[in-house]
Amino acid sequence: MTQSQLTMYTTVWCGYCKRLKIAMKASGISFTEVDIEHDPAAAEYVMNVNGGNQTVPTIEFPDGTAMSNPSIADIKAKLGV
């Protein structure tokens, strides 16, 4: 999986984001990280897929679907790894 295929929307202060990043790296899952506090378009995307809330982490998958605050098991199941 290439870095451009999976996007994690985060903030620097999000503990759930930090834990998920560690778990994804340990599992060999590549991703691109986007801080929604520094990217208004990313914040808008996150709000659109989360009913108006800026819920992080939000993961965007290559098929265009998204998961909010998923576990590493949820991500692995979605990716089939």
C-alpha atoms as a PDB file:
ATOM      1  CA  MET A   1       0.000   0.000   0.000  1.00  0.00           C
ATOM      2  CA  THR A   2       1.392   3.369  -0.930  1.00  0.00           C
ATOM      3  CA  GLN A   3       1.301   6.440   1.272  1.00  0.00           C
ATOM      4  CA  SER A   4      -1.218   8.186  -0.974  1.00  0.00           C
ATOM      5  CA  GLN A   5      -3.822   5.437  -0.632  1.00  0.00           C
ATOM      6  CA  LEU A   6      -4.714   5.859   3.039  1.00  0.00           C
ATOM      7  CA  THR A   7      -5.182   9.208   4.770  1.00  0.00           C
ATOM      8  CA  MET A   8      -5.372   9.791   8.524  1.00  0.00           C
ATOM      9  CA  TYR A   9      -6.918  13.088   9.578  1.00  0.00           C
ATOM     10  CA  THR A  10      -5.534  14.114  12.963  1.00  0.00           C
ATOM     11  CA  THR A  11      -4.628  16.896  15.363  1.00  0.00           C
ATOM     12  CA  VAL A  12      -1.388  17.199  17.330  1.00  0.00           C
ATOM     13  CA  TRP A  13      -3.177  16.957  20.688  1.00  0.00           C
ATOM     14  CA  CYS A  14      -5.273  13.847  19.922  1.00  0.00           C
ATOM     15  CA  GLY A  15      -4.240  10.882  22.089  1.00  0.00           C
ATOM     16  CA  TYR A  16      -6.343   8.449  20.051  1.00  0.00           C
ATOM     17  CA  CYS A  17      -4.527   9.637  16.923  1.00  0.00           C
ATOM     18  CA  LYS A  18      -1.121   9.044  18.503  1.00  0.00           C
ATOM     19  CA  ARG A  19      -2.041   5.506  19.557  1.00  0.00           C
ATOM     20  CA  LEU A  20      -3.510   4.657  16.161  1.00  0.00           C
ATOM     21  CA  LYS A  21      -0.439   6.020  14.331  1.00  0.00           C
ATOM     22  CA  ILE A  22       1.815   3.815  16.457  1.00  0.00           C
ATOM     23  CA  ALA A  23      -0.370   0.759  15.832  1.00  0.00           C
ATOM     24  CA  MET A  24      -0.547   1.386  12.078  1.00  0.00           C
ATOM     25  CA  LYS A  25       3.209   1.851  11.798  1.00  0.00           C
ATOM     26  CA  ALA A  26       3.802  -1.319  13.847  1.00  0.00           C
ATOM     27  CA  SER A  27       1.436  -3.177  11.500  1.00  0.00           C
ATOM     28  CA  GLY A  28       3.248  -1.895   8.409  1.00  0.00           C
ATOM     29  CA  ILE A  29       0.256   0.143   7.207  1.00  0.00           C
ATOM     30  CA  SER A  30       1.409   3.230   5.322  1.00  0.00           C
ATOM     31  CA  PHE A  31      -0.605   6.405   5.504  1.00  0.00           C
ATOM     32  CA  THR A  32      -0.509  10.119   4.870  1.00  0.00           C
ATOM     33  CA  GLU A  33      -1.240  12.271   7.911  1.00  0.00           C
ATOM     34  CA  VAL A  34      -3.207  15.511   7.580  1.00  0.00           C
ATOM     35  CA  ASP A  35      -3.638  17.876  10.552  1.00  0.00           C
ATOM     36  CA  ILE A  36      -7.152  19.304  10.278  1.00  0.00           C
ATOM     37  CA  GLU A  37      -6.168  22.344  12.349  1.00  0.00           C
ATOM     38  CA  HIS A  38      -3.771  23.432   9.588  1.00  0.00           C
ATOM     39  CA  ASP A  39      -5.824  22.365   6.557  1.00  0.00           C
ATOM     40  CA  PRO A  40      -9.306  23.919   6.273  1.00  0.00           C
ATOM     41  CA  ALA A  41     -10.283  21.612   3.378  1.00  0.00           C
ATOM     42  CA  ALA A  42      -9.355  18.579   5.473  1.00  0.00           C
ATOM     43  CA  ALA A  43     -11.377  19.908   8.411  1.00  0.00           C
ATOM     44  CA  GLU A  44     -14.352  20.357   6.077  1.00  0.00           C
ATOM     45  CA  TYR A  45     -13.973  16.777   4.780  1.00  0.00           C
ATOM     46  CA  VAL A  46     -13.856  15.402   8.342  1.00  0.00           C
ATOM     47  CA  MET A  47     -16.960  17.385   9.285  1.00  0.00           C
ATOM     48  CA  ASN A  48     -18.767  16.133   6.161  1.00  0.00           C
ATOM     49  CA  VAL A  49     -18.153  12.464   6.996  1.00  0.00           C
ATOM     50  CA  ASN A  50     -18.831  12.894  10.736  1.00  0.00           C
ATOM     51  CA  GLY A  51     -22.178  14.666  10.808  1.00  0.00           C
ATOM     52  CA  GLY A  52     -20.666  18.129  11.291  1.00  0.00           C
ATOM     53  CA  ASN A  53     -18.148  17.070  13.957  1.00  0.00           C
ATOM     54  CA  GLN A  54     -14.365  17.342  13.680  1.00  0.00           C
ATOM     55  CA  THR A  55     -13.845  13.790  14.924  1.00  0.00           C
ATOM     56  CA  VAL A  56     -10.254  12.555  14.804  1.00  0.00           C
ATOM     57  CA  PRO A  57      -8.751  10.249  13.927  1.00  0.00           C
ATOM     58  CA  THR A  58     -10.757   9.884  10.753  1.00  0.00           C
ATOM     59  CA  ILE A  59      -9.326   7.433   8.233  1.00  0.00           C
ATOM     60  CA  GLU A  60     -10.061   7.808   4.515  1.00  0.00           C
ATOM     61  CA  PHE A  61      -9.624   4.594   2.533  1.00  0.00           C
ATOM     62  CA  PRO A  62      -8.657   4.184  -1.129  1.00  0.00           C
ATOM     63  CA  ASP A  63     -12.269   3.295  -2.020  1.00  0.00           C
ATOM     64  CA  GLY A  64     -13.447   6.681  -0.737  1.00  0.00           C
ATOM     65  CA  THR A  65     -15.023   5.376   2.474  1.00  0.00           C
ATOM     66  CA  ALA A  66     -14.118   6.707   5.898  1.00  0.00           C
ATOM     67  CA  MET A  67     -13.999   5.464   9.498  1.00  0.00           C
ATOM     68  CA  SER A  68     -14.039   7.655  12.586  1.00  0.00           C
ATOM     69  CA  ASN A  69     -11.851   6.690  15.534  1.00  0.00           C
ATOM     70  CA  PRO A  70     -11.387   3.103  14.301  1.00  0.00           C
ATOM     71  CA  SER A  71      -9.366   0.445  16.077  1.00  0.00           C
ATOM     72  CA  ILE A  72      -6.357  -1.087  14.364  1.00  0.00           C
ATOM     73  CA  ALA A  73      -8.446  -4.267  14.045  1.00  0.00           C
ATOM     74  CA  ASP A  74     -11.139  -2.296  12.177  1.00  0.00           C
ATOM     75  CA  ILE A  75      -8.547  -0.909   9.767  1.00  0.00           C
ATOM     76  CA  LYS A  76      -6.915  -4.299   9.180  1.00  0.00           C
ATOM     77  CA  ALA A  77     -10.318  -5.877   8.518  1.00  0.00           C
ATOM     78  CA  LYS A  78     -11.218  -3.123   6.038  1.00  0.00           C
ATOM     79  CA  LEU A  79      -7.853  -3.496   4.254  1.00  0.00           C
ATOM     80  CA  GLY A  80      -7.906  -7.305   4.385  1.00  0.00           C
ATOM     81  CA  VAL A  81      -4.560  -7.567   6.177  1.00  0.00           C
END
